PDB file of all heavy atoms in Angstrom:
ATOM      1  N   GLY A   1       0.781  -1.226   0.000  1.00  0.00           N
ATOM      2  CA  GLY A   1       0.000   0.000   0.000  1.00  0.00           C
ATOM      3  C   GLY A   1       0.812   1.276   0.000  1.00  0.00           C
ATOM      4  O   GLY A   1       0.335   2.339  -0.416  1.00  0.00           O
ATOM      5  N   GLY A   2       2.077   1.200   0.462  1.00  0.00           N
ATOM      6  CA  GLY A   2       2.898   2.396   0.526  1.00  0.00           C
ATOM      7  C   GLY A   2       3.315   2.943  -0.821  1.00  0.00           C
ATOM      8  O   GLY A   2       3.854   4.053  -0.904  1.00  0.00           O
ATOM      9  N   ILE A   3       3.080   2.170  -1.886  1.00  0.00           N
ATOM     10  CA  ILE A   3       3.439   2.637  -3.225  1.00  0.00           C
ATOM     11  C   ILE A   3       2.788   3.984  -3.507  1.00  0.00           C
ATOM     12  O   ILE A   3       3.411   4.880  -4.091  1.00  0.00           O
ATOM     13  CB  ILE A   3       3.037   1.587  -4.283  1.00  0.00           C
ATOM     14  CG1 ILE A   3       3.898   0.326  -4.137  1.00  0.00           C
ATOM     15  CG2 ILE A   3       3.157   2.160  -5.703  1.00  0.00           C
ATOM     16  CD1 ILE A   3       3.423  -0.846  -4.968  1.00  0.00           C
ATOM     17  N   ARG A   4       1.544   4.154  -3.082  1.00  0.00           N
ATOM     18  CA  ARG A   4       0.840   5.409  -3.379  1.00  0.00           C
ATOM     19  C   ARG A   4       1.503   6.608  -2.698  1.00  0.00           C
ATOM     20  O   ARG A   4       1.410   7.731  -3.193  1.00  0.00           O
ATOM     21  CB  ARG A   4      -0.626   5.295  -2.968  1.00  0.00           C
ATOM     22  CG  ARG A   4      -1.418   4.312  -3.833  1.00  0.00           C
ATOM     23  CD  ARG A   4      -2.907   4.340  -3.528  1.00  0.00           C
ATOM     24  NE  ARG A   4      -3.635   3.414  -4.380  1.00  0.00           N
ATOM     25  CZ  ARG A   4      -3.883   2.136  -4.084  1.00  0.00           C
ATOM     26  NH1 ARG A   4      -3.434   1.644  -2.937  1.00  0.00           N
ATOM     27  NH2 ARG A   4      -4.546   1.355  -4.917  1.00  0.00           N
ATOM     28  N   THR A   5       2.166   6.390  -1.566  1.00  0.00           N
ATOM     29  CA  THR A   5       2.900   7.480  -0.915  1.00  0.00           C
ATOM     30  C   THR A   5       4.008   7.980  -1.836  1.00  0.00           C
ATOM     31  O   THR A   5       4.202   9.198  -2.008  1.00  0.00           O
ATOM     32  CB  THR A   5       3.513   6.987   0.414  1.00  0.00           C
ATOM     33  OG1 THR A   5       2.472   6.523   1.265  1.00  0.00           O
ATOM     34  CG2 THR A   5       4.282   8.098   1.106  1.00  0.00           C
ATOM     35  N   THR A   6       4.745   7.051  -2.434  1.00  0.00           N
ATOM     36  CA  THR A   6       5.814   7.431  -3.351  1.00  0.00           C
ATOM     37  C   THR A   6       5.257   8.065  -4.616  1.00  0.00           C
ATOM     38  O   THR A   6       5.877   8.964  -5.196  1.00  0.00           O
ATOM     39  CB  THR A   6       6.670   6.201  -3.691  1.00  0.00           C
ATOM     40  OG1 THR A   6       7.218   5.676  -2.482  1.00  0.00           O
ATOM     41  CG2 THR A   6       7.804   6.562  -4.636  1.00  0.00           C
ATOM     42  N   VAL A   7       4.089   7.627  -5.058  1.00  0.00           N
ATOM     43  CA  VAL A   7       3.465   8.228  -6.244  1.00  0.00           C
ATOM     44  C   VAL A   7       3.229   9.721  -6.023  1.00  0.00           C
ATOM     45  O   VAL A   7       3.553  10.555  -6.880  1.00  0.00           O
ATOM     46  CB  VAL A   7       2.150   7.511  -6.598  1.00  0.00           C
ATOM     47  CG1 VAL A   7       1.363   8.294  -7.649  1.00  0.00           C
ATOM     48  CG2 VAL A   7       2.433   6.097  -7.092  1.00  0.00           C
ATOM     49  N   GLY A   8       2.694  10.078  -4.863  1.00  0.00           N
ATOM     50  CA  GLY A   8       2.447  11.487  -4.592  1.00  0.00           C
ATOM     51  C   GLY A   8       3.723  12.304  -4.606  1.00  0.00           C
ATOM     52  O   GLY A   8       3.773  13.403  -5.191  1.00  0.00           O
ATOM     53  N   ALA A   9       4.773  11.799  -3.978  1.00  0.00           N
ATOM     54  CA  ALA A   9       6.039  12.536  -3.937  1.00  0.00           C
ATOM     55  C   ALA A   9       6.668  12.624  -5.324  1.00  0.00           C
ATOM     56  O   ALA A   9       7.255  13.658  -5.689  1.00  0.00           O
ATOM     57  CB  ALA A   9       6.995  11.841  -2.972  1.00  0.00           C
ATOM     58  N   THR A  10       6.555  11.570  -6.108  1.00  0.00           N
ATOM     59  CA  THR A  10       7.161  11.561  -7.442  1.00  0.00           C
ATOM     60  C   THR A  10       6.462  12.538  -8.367  1.00  0.00           C
ATOM     61  O   THR A  10       7.104  13.266  -9.135  1.00  0.00           O
ATOM     62  CB  THR A  10       7.120  10.136  -8.025  1.00  0.00           C
ATOM     63  OG1 THR A  10       7.801   9.258  -7.135  1.00  0.00           O
ATOM     64  CG2 THR A  10       7.760  10.074  -9.397  1.00  0.00           C
ATOM     65  N   ARG A  11       5.153  12.576  -8.309  1.00  0.00           N
ATOM     66  CA  ARG A  11       4.416  13.527  -9.145  1.00  0.00           C
ATOM     67  C   ARG A  11       4.804  14.966  -8.829  1.00  0.00           C
ATOM     68  O   ARG A  11       4.846  15.818  -9.720  1.00  0.00           O
ATOM     69  CB  ARG A  11       2.921  13.340  -8.954  1.00  0.00           C
ATOM     70  CG  ARG A  11       2.350  12.063  -9.536  1.00  0.00           C
ATOM     71  CD  ARG A  11       0.873  11.931  -9.211  1.00  0.00           C
ATOM     72  NE  ARG A  11       0.276  10.748  -9.823  1.00  0.00           N
ATOM     73  CZ  ARG A  11      -1.011  10.396  -9.682  1.00  0.00           C
ATOM     74  NH1 ARG A  11      -1.821  11.136  -8.920  1.00  0.00           N
ATOM     75  NH2 ARG A  11      -1.477   9.319 -10.285  1.00  0.00           N
ATOM     76  N   ALA A  12       5.090  15.230  -7.563  1.00  0.00           N
ATOM     77  CA  ALA A  12       5.406  16.601  -7.148  1.00  0.00           C
ATOM     78  C   ALA A  12       6.851  16.985  -7.437  1.00  0.00           C
ATOM     79  O   ALA A  12       7.199  18.166  -7.371  1.00  0.00           O
ATOM     80  CB  ALA A  12       5.119  16.759  -5.653  1.00  0.00           C
ATOM     81  N   ALA A  13       7.704  16.029  -7.756  1.00  0.00           N
ATOM     82  CA  ALA A  13       9.132  16.302  -7.947  1.00  0.00           C
ATOM     83  C   ALA A  13       9.404  16.860  -9.336  1.00  0.00           C
ATOM     84  O   ALA A  13       8.682  16.584 -10.298  1.00  0.00           O
ATOM     85  CB  ALA A  13       9.932  15.016  -7.739  1.00  0.00           C
ATOM     86  N   SER A  14      10.473  17.621  -9.437  1.00  0.00           N
ATOM     87  CA  SER A  14      10.898  18.139 -10.733  1.00  0.00           C
ATOM     88  C   SER A  14      11.683  17.079 -11.496  1.00  0.00           C
ATOM     89  O   SER A  14      12.162  16.095 -10.913  1.00  0.00           O
ATOM     90  CB  SER A  14      11.774  19.377 -10.546  1.00  0.00           C
ATOM     91  OG  SER A  14      13.022  19.010  -9.963  1.00  0.00           O
ATOM     92  N   ASP A  15      11.845  17.296 -12.791  1.00  0.00           N
ATOM     93  CA  ASP A  15      12.681  16.403 -13.577  1.00  0.00           C
ATOM     94  C   ASP A  15      14.098  16.329 -13.008  1.00  0.00           C
ATOM     95  O   ASP A  15      14.699  15.249 -12.939  1.00  0.00           O
ATOM     96  CB  ASP A  15      12.757  16.880 -15.027  1.00  0.00           C
ATOM     97  CG  ASP A  15      11.487  16.612 -15.815  1.00  0.00           C
ATOM     98  OD1 ASP A  15      10.465  16.244 -15.201  1.00  0.00           O
ATOM     99  OD2 ASP A  15      11.522  16.778 -17.048  1.00  0.00           O
ATOM    100  N   ASP A  16      14.629  17.479 -12.627  1.00  0.00           N
ATOM    101  CA  ASP A  16      15.992  17.504 -12.098  1.00  0.00           C
ATOM    102  C   ASP A  16      16.109  16.701 -10.809  1.00  0.00           C
ATOM    103  O   ASP A  16      17.117  16.026 -10.575  1.00  0.00           O
ATOM    104  CB  ASP A  16      16.450  18.947 -11.873  1.00  0.00           C
ATOM    105  CG  ASP A  16      16.763  19.669 -13.170  1.00  0.00           C
ATOM    106  OD1 ASP A  16      16.918  18.995 -14.206  1.00  0.00           O
ATOM    107  OD2 ASP A  16      16.835  20.916 -13.146  1.00  0.00           O
ATOM    108  N   ASP A  17      15.080  16.793  -9.958  1.00  0.00           N
ATOM    109  CA  ASP A  17      15.101  16.022  -8.712  1.00  0.00           C
ATOM    110  C   ASP A  17      15.081  14.519  -9.004  1.00  0.00           C
ATOM    111  O   ASP A  17      15.834  13.737  -8.388  1.00  0.00           O
ATOM    112  CB  ASP A  17      13.906  16.386  -7.831  1.00  0.00           C
ATOM    113  CG  ASP A  17      14.030  17.765  -7.207  1.00  0.00           C
ATOM    114  OD1 ASP A  17      15.159  18.289  -7.144  1.00  0.00           O
ATOM    115  OD2 ASP A  17      12.998  18.320  -6.790  1.00  0.00           O
ATOM    116  N   LEU A  18      14.224  14.105  -9.926  1.00  0.00           N
ATOM    117  CA  LEU A  18      14.155  12.677 -10.268  1.00  0.00           C
ATOM    118  C   LEU A  18      15.460  12.208 -10.899  1.00  0.00           C
ATOM    119  O   LEU A  18      15.968  11.127 -10.580  1.00  0.00           O
ATOM    120  CB  LEU A  18      12.987  12.420 -11.214  1.00  0.00           C
ATOM    121  CG  LEU A  18      11.588  12.671 -10.654  1.00  0.00           C
ATOM    122  CD1 LEU A  18      10.538  12.402 -11.720  1.00  0.00           C
ATOM    123  CD2 LEU A  18      11.326  11.819  -9.415  1.00  0.00           C
ATOM    124  N   ARG A  19      16.010  13.025 -11.785  1.00  0.00           N
ATOM    125  CA  ARG A  19      17.271  12.667 -12.445  1.00  0.00           C
ATOM    126  C   ARG A  19      18.398  12.534 -11.418  1.00  0.00           C
ATOM    127  O   ARG A  19      19.247  11.644 -11.536  1.00  0.00           O
ATOM    128  CB  ARG A  19      17.613  13.727 -13.487  1.00  0.00           C
ATOM    129  CG  ARG A  19      18.841  13.406 -14.332  1.00  0.00           C
ATOM    130  CD  ARG A  19      19.026  14.431 -15.424  1.00  0.00           C
ATOM    131  NE  ARG A  19      17.976  14.362 -16.434  1.00  0.00           N
ATOM    132  CZ  ARG A  19      17.018  15.270 -16.587  1.00  0.00           C
ATOM    133  NH1 ARG A  19      16.954  16.337 -15.786  1.00  0.00           N
ATOM    134  NH2 ARG A  19      16.117  15.128 -17.530  1.00  0.00           N
ATOM    135  N   ALA A  20      18.403  13.404 -10.430  1.00  0.00           N
ATOM    136  CA  ALA A  20      19.444  13.341  -9.399  1.00  0.00           C
ATOM    137  C   ALA A  20      19.336  12.049  -8.588  1.00  0.00           C
ATOM    138  O   ALA A  20      20.353  11.434  -8.242  1.00  0.00           O
ATOM    139  CB  ALA A  20      19.352  14.562  -8.484  1.00  0.00           C
ATOM    140  N   THR A  21      18.114  11.621  -8.279  1.00  0.00           N
ATOM    141  CA  THR A  21      17.939  10.369  -7.536  1.00  0.00           C
ATOM    142  C   THR A  21      18.403   9.182  -8.357  1.00  0.00           C
ATOM    143  O   THR A  21      19.130   8.303  -7.857  1.00  0.00           O
ATOM    144  CB  THR A  21      16.469  10.186  -7.137  1.00  0.00           C
ATOM    145  OG1 THR A  21      16.093  11.235  -6.239  1.00  0.00           O
ATOM    146  CG2 THR A  21      16.240   8.845  -6.455  1.00  0.00           C
ATOM    147  N   VAL A  22      17.995   9.123  -9.617  1.00  0.00           N
ATOM    148  CA  VAL A  22      18.437   8.018 -10.474  1.00  0.00           C
ATOM    149  C   VAL A  22      19.958   8.021 -10.587  1.00  0.00           C
ATOM    150  O   VAL A  22      20.608   6.973 -10.480  1.00  0.00           O
ATOM    151  CB  VAL A  22      17.789   8.097 -11.863  1.00  0.00           C
ATOM    152  CG1 VAL A  22      18.285   6.940 -12.740  1.00  0.00           C
ATOM    153  CG2 VAL A  22      16.278   8.053 -11.766  1.00  0.00           C
ATOM    154  N   GLY A  23      20.544   9.202 -10.795  1.00  0.00           N
ATOM    155  CA  GLY A  23      21.997   9.285 -10.919  1.00  0.00           C
ATOM    156  C   GLY A  23      22.720   8.828  -9.673  1.00  0.00           C
ATOM    157  O   GLY A  23      23.744   8.128  -9.751  1.00  0.00           O
ATOM    158  N   ARG A  24      22.194   9.208  -8.512  1.00  0.00           N
ATOM    159  CA  ARG A  24      22.830   8.800  -7.253  1.00  0.00           C
ATOM    160  C   ARG A  24      22.775   7.292  -7.074  1.00  0.00           C
ATOM    161  O   ARG A  24      23.787   6.647  -6.734  1.00  0.00           O
ATOM    162  CB  ARG A  24      22.118   9.489  -6.090  1.00  0.00           C
ATOM    163  CG  ARG A  24      22.548   9.008  -4.709  1.00  0.00           C
ATOM    164  CD  ARG A  24      21.855   9.790  -3.603  1.00  0.00           C
ATOM    165  NE  ARG A  24      20.406   9.700  -3.643  1.00  0.00           N
ATOM    166  CZ  ARG A  24      19.698   8.689  -3.141  1.00  0.00           C
ATOM    167  NH1 ARG A  24      20.313   7.653  -2.572  1.00  0.00           N
ATOM    168  NH2 ARG A  24      18.378   8.695  -3.200  1.00  0.00           N
ATOM    169  N   LEU A  25      21.617   6.696  -7.324  1.00  0.00           N
ATOM    170  CA  LEU A  25      21.486   5.251  -7.140  1.00  0.00           C
ATOM    171  C   LEU A  25      22.239   4.481  -8.209  1.00  0.00           C
ATOM    172  O   LEU A  25      22.838   3.430  -7.929  1.00  0.00           O
ATOM    173  CB  LEU A  25      19.996   4.872  -7.150  1.00  0.00           C
ATOM    174  CG  LEU A  25      19.206   5.392  -5.956  1.00  0.00           C
ATOM    175  CD1 LEU A  25      17.717   5.170  -6.172  1.00  0.00           C
ATOM    176  CD2 LEU A  25      19.655   4.731  -4.659  1.00  0.00           C
ATOM    177  N   HIS A  26      22.242   4.988  -9.424  1.00  0.00           N
ATOM    178  CA  HIS A  26      22.994   4.346 -10.500  1.00  0.00           C
ATOM    179  C   HIS A  26      24.489   4.337 -10.168  1.00  0.00           C
ATOM    180  O   HIS A  26      25.186   3.339 -10.387  1.00  0.00           O
ATOM    181  CB  HIS A  26      22.725   5.077 -11.818  1.00  0.00           C
ATOM    182  CG  HIS A  26      23.288   4.403 -13.019  1.00  0.00           C
ATOM    183  ND1 HIS A  26      24.520   4.713 -13.543  1.00  0.00           N
ATOM    184  CD2 HIS A  26      22.786   3.414 -13.812  1.00  0.00           C
ATOM    185  CE1 HIS A  26      24.752   3.963 -14.599  1.00  0.00           C
ATOM    186  NE2 HIS A  26      23.722   3.164 -14.788  1.00  0.00           N
ATOM    187  N   ALA A  27      24.989   5.446  -9.614  1.00  0.00           N
ATOM    188  CA  ALA A  27      26.395   5.512  -9.218  1.00  0.00           C
ATOM    189  C   ALA A  27      26.684   4.560  -8.061  1.00  0.00           C
ATOM    190  O   ALA A  27      27.741   3.911  -8.027  1.00  0.00           O
ATOM    191  CB  ALA A  27      26.766   6.939  -8.835  1.00  0.00           C
ATOM    192  N   GLU A  28      25.756   4.454  -7.105  1.00  0.00           N
ATOM    193  CA  GLU A  28      25.914   3.472  -6.026  1.00  0.00           C
ATOM    194  C   GLU A  28      26.052   2.070  -6.584  1.00  0.00           C
ATOM    195  O   GLU A  28      26.905   1.283  -6.151  1.00  0.00           O
ATOM    196  CB  GLU A  28      24.679   3.492  -5.114  1.00  0.00           C
ATOM    197  CG  GLU A  28      24.677   4.507  -4.020  1.00  0.00           C
ATOM    198  CD  GLU A  28      23.471   4.328  -3.107  1.00  0.00           C
ATOM    199  OE1 GLU A  28      22.782   3.288  -3.171  1.00  0.00           O
ATOM    200  OE2 GLU A  28      23.210   5.256  -2.335  1.00  0.00           O
ATOM    201  N   MET A  29      25.180   1.736  -7.528  1.00  0.00           N
ATOM    202  CA  MET A  29      25.209   0.400  -8.124  1.00  0.00           C
ATOM    203  C   MET A  29      26.540   0.135  -8.822  1.00  0.00           C
ATOM    204  O   MET A  29      27.134  -0.941  -8.673  1.00  0.00           O
ATOM    205  CB  MET A  29      24.051   0.251  -9.109  1.00  0.00           C
ATOM    206  CG  MET A  29      22.693   0.168  -8.437  1.00  0.00           C
ATOM    207  SD  MET A  29      21.373   0.038  -9.670  1.00  0.00           S
ATOM    208  CE  MET A  29      20.029  -0.567  -8.633  1.00  0.00           C
ATOM    209  N   LEU A  30      27.007   1.112  -9.578  1.00  0.00           N
ATOM    210  CA  LEU A  30      28.259   0.936 -10.307  1.00  0.00           C
ATOM    211  C   LEU A  30      29.418   0.704  -9.345  1.00  0.00           C
ATOM    212  O   LEU A  30      30.270  -0.167  -9.581  1.00  0.00           O
ATOM    213  CB  LEU A  30      28.517   2.148 -11.195  1.00  0.00           C
ATOM    214  CG  LEU A  30      29.664   2.029 -12.196  1.00  0.00           C
ATOM    215  CD1 LEU A  30      29.424   0.897 -13.181  1.00  0.00           C
ATOM    216  CD2 LEU A  30      29.852   3.349 -12.938  1.00  0.00           C
ATOM    217  N   ARG A  31      29.460   1.453  -8.252  1.00  0.00           N
ATOM    218  CA  ARG A  31      30.536   1.268  -7.271  1.00  0.00           C
ATOM    219  C   ARG A  31      30.516  -0.131  -6.668  1.00  0.00           C
ATOM    220  O   ARG A  31      31.547  -0.649  -6.244  1.00  0.00           O
ATOM    221  CB  ARG A  31      30.419   2.304  -6.141  1.00  0.00           C
ATOM    222  CG  ARG A  31      30.777   3.722  -6.533  1.00  0.00           C
ATOM    223  CD  ARG A  31      30.996   4.586  -5.318  1.00  0.00           C
ATOM    224  NE  ARG A  31      29.850   4.683  -4.434  1.00  0.00           N
ATOM    225  CZ  ARG A  31      28.886   5.585  -4.535  1.00  0.00           C
ATOM    226  NH1 ARG A  31      28.921   6.474  -5.530  1.00  0.00           N
ATOM    227  NH2 ARG A  31      27.879   5.612  -3.687  1.00  0.00           N
ATOM    228  N   GLN A  32      29.339  -0.748  -6.630  1.00  0.00           N
ATOM    229  CA  GLN A  32      29.199  -2.081  -6.051  1.00  0.00           C
ATOM    230  C   GLN A  32      29.203  -3.182  -7.114  1.00  0.00           C
ATOM    231  O   GLN A  32      28.850  -4.320  -6.823  1.00  0.00           O
ATOM    232  CB  GLN A  32      27.913  -2.148  -5.223  1.00  0.00           C
ATOM    233  CG  GLN A  32      27.943  -1.190  -4.033  1.00  0.00           C
ATOM    234  CD  GLN A  32      26.608  -1.139  -3.317  1.00  0.00           C
ATOM    235  OE1 GLN A  32      26.398  -1.889  -2.359  1.00  0.00           O
ATOM    236  NE2 GLN A  32      25.705  -0.292  -3.768  1.00  0.00           N
ATOM    237  N   GLY A  33      29.632  -2.816  -8.323  1.00  0.00           N
ATOM    238  CA  GLY A  33      29.864  -3.828  -9.342  1.00  0.00           C
ATOM    239  C   GLY A  33      28.759  -4.057 -10.334  1.00  0.00           C
ATOM    240  O   GLY A  33      28.883  -4.924 -11.208  1.00  0.00           O
ATOM    241  N   THR A  34      27.657  -3.301 -10.250  1.00  0.00           N
ATOM    242  CA  THR A  34      26.565  -3.464 -11.210  1.00  0.00           C
ATOM    243  C   THR A  34      26.854  -2.620 -12.440  1.00  0.00           C
ATOM    244  O   THR A  34      26.911  -1.392 -12.364  1.00  0.00           O
ATOM    245  CB  THR A  34      25.221  -3.061 -10.587  1.00  0.00           C
ATOM    246  OG1 THR A  34      24.918  -3.954  -9.508  1.00  0.00           O
ATOM    247  CG2 THR A  34      24.102  -3.121 -11.616  1.00  0.00           C
ATOM    248  N   THR A  35      27.009  -3.282 -13.573  1.00  0.00           N
ATOM    249  CA  THR A  35      27.338  -2.593 -14.820  1.00  0.00           C
ATOM    250  C   THR A  35      26.174  -2.573 -15.808  1.00  0.00           C
ATOM    251  O   THR A  35      26.234  -1.885 -16.822  1.00  0.00           O
ATOM    252  CB  THR A  35      28.565  -3.241 -15.475  1.00  0.00           C
ATOM    253  OG1 THR A  35      28.372  -4.658 -15.546  1.00  0.00           O
ATOM    254  CG2 THR A  35      29.830  -2.945 -14.663  1.00  0.00           C
ATOM    255  N   THR A  36      25.125  -3.340 -15.526  1.00  0.00           N
ATOM    256  CA  THR A  36      23.901  -3.311 -16.327  1.00  0.00           C
ATOM    257  C   THR A  36      22.726  -3.293 -15.365  1.00  0.00           C
ATOM    258  O   THR A  36      22.662  -4.107 -14.445  1.00  0.00           O
ATOM    259  CB  THR A  36      23.783  -4.550 -17.241  1.00  0.00           C
ATOM    260  OG1 THR A  36      24.916  -4.616 -18.112  1.00  0.00           O
ATOM    261  CG2 THR A  36      22.512  -4.496 -18.074  1.00  0.00           C
TER     262      THR A  36
END
């Protein structure tokens, strides 16, 4: 049920905010060996 909480926050976020989150997590993954 908590998915809807994230939906509200995501709708309210800017493109730059969403891009920054993806970039941060993508970089975390790469540092831990995830390349795809």
